[in-house]
Amino acid sequence: MSSVDTTPADTEGVTAIFRRVLETEDVTADSDFFLLGGDSLIATRVLSALARTYGVELSFEDFVLAPTPAGLVALIAGVR
């Protein structure tokens, strides 16, 4: 049995991942991960959490092109 969530990604869920990984509550749907102090190493933790939670594999390049929770949700919706 898989522990992957089958529900669609939503901005609330992705924002929560950003908050947990960046260890700050100062994240909104339009917050830029890199402007909040995130780096490539920490981004891999977000990508892993997205894969575990939503069952989608995104590349680091995908993340750079859509570094906000809202941007990633739109990207994930396009992948499915």
Protein backbone atom coordinates (compact mmCIF):
# COMPACT_ATOMS: atom_id res chain seq x y z
CA MET A 1 0.00 0.00 0.00
CA SER A 2 1.39 3.39 -1.00
CA SER A 3 1.58 6.35 1.34
CA VAL A 4 1.35 8.78 -1.59
CA ASP A 5 -1.60 11.15 -1.41
CA THR A 6 -3.86 10.86 -4.44
CA THR A 7 -5.52 14.23 -3.93
CA PRO A 8 -4.50 17.12 -6.16
CA ALA A 9 -1.87 19.52 -4.93
CA ASP A 10 -3.26 22.73 -3.48
CA THR A 11 -1.55 25.96 -2.49
CA GLU A 12 -2.28 25.37 1.18
CA GLY A 13 -0.50 22.03 1.16
CA VAL A 14 2.51 23.23 -0.82
CA THR A 15 2.74 26.36 1.34
CA ALA A 16 2.83 24.10 4.41
CA ILE A 17 5.73 22.17 2.87
CA PHE A 18 7.62 25.43 2.26
CA ARG A 19 6.96 26.51 5.86
CA ARG A 20 8.19 23.22 7.27
CA VAL A 21 11.33 23.03 5.12
CA LEU A 22 12.25 26.71 5.50
CA GLU A 23 11.29 26.69 9.19
CA THR A 24 9.27 29.90 8.91
CA GLU A 25 5.62 30.83 8.97
CA ASP A 26 6.28 33.81 6.66
CA VAL A 27 5.20 31.97 3.50
CA THR A 28 2.21 32.76 1.30
CA ALA A 29 1.07 31.22 -1.97
CA ASP A 30 3.12 33.79 -3.88
CA SER A 31 6.28 33.67 -1.77
CA ASP A 32 9.46 33.01 -3.75
CA PHE A 33 11.39 30.15 -2.16
CA PHE A 34 14.78 31.62 -3.01
CA LEU A 35 13.91 35.10 -1.75
CA LEU A 36 12.91 33.48 1.55
CA GLY A 37 16.46 32.14 1.89
CA GLY A 38 16.05 28.75 0.26
CA ASP A 39 18.90 27.27 -1.72
CA SER A 40 19.40 24.33 -4.07
CA LEU A 41 20.09 21.88 -1.25
CA ILE A 42 16.96 22.84 0.66
CA ALA A 43 14.98 22.79 -2.61
CA THR A 44 15.69 19.07 -2.90
CA ARG A 45 13.84 18.60 0.39
CA VAL A 46 10.81 20.41 -1.06
CA LEU A 47 10.97 18.30 -4.22
CA SER A 48 11.14 15.11 -2.14
CA ALA A 49 8.18 16.21 -0.02
CA LEU A 50 6.16 16.99 -3.16
CA ALA A 51 6.97 13.56 -4.58
CA ARG A 52 5.98 11.80 -1.35
CA THR A 53 2.84 13.84 -0.82
CA TYR A 54 1.50 14.23 -4.35
CA GLY A 55 3.23 11.45 -6.29
CA VAL A 56 4.85 13.76 -8.82
CA GLU A 57 8.54 13.98 -9.70
CA LEU A 58 9.66 17.51 -10.55
CA SER A 59 13.17 18.52 -11.54
CA PHE A 60 15.23 21.25 -9.94
CA GLU A 61 14.80 23.21 -13.18
CA ASP A 62 11.01 22.94 -12.78
CA PHE A 63 11.41 24.33 -9.27
CA VAL A 64 13.57 27.25 -10.45
CA LEU A 65 10.97 28.15 -13.08
CA ALA A 66 8.11 27.99 -10.55
CA PRO A 67 9.60 28.82 -7.11
CA THR A 68 6.32 29.71 -5.38
CA PRO A 69 3.69 27.41 -3.89
CA ALA A 70 1.10 28.68 -6.42
CA GLY A 71 3.54 28.18 -9.29
CA LEU A 72 4.35 24.63 -8.22
CA VAL A 73 0.66 23.76 -7.85
CA ALA A 74 0.04 24.95 -11.43
CA LEU A 75 3.04 22.96 -12.61
CA ILE A 76 1.89 19.82 -10.81
CA ALA A 77 -1.60 20.19 -12.31
CA GLY A 78 0.02 20.32 -15.77
CA VAL A 79 2.06 17.17 -15.09
CA ARG A 80 -0.92 15.06 -14.09
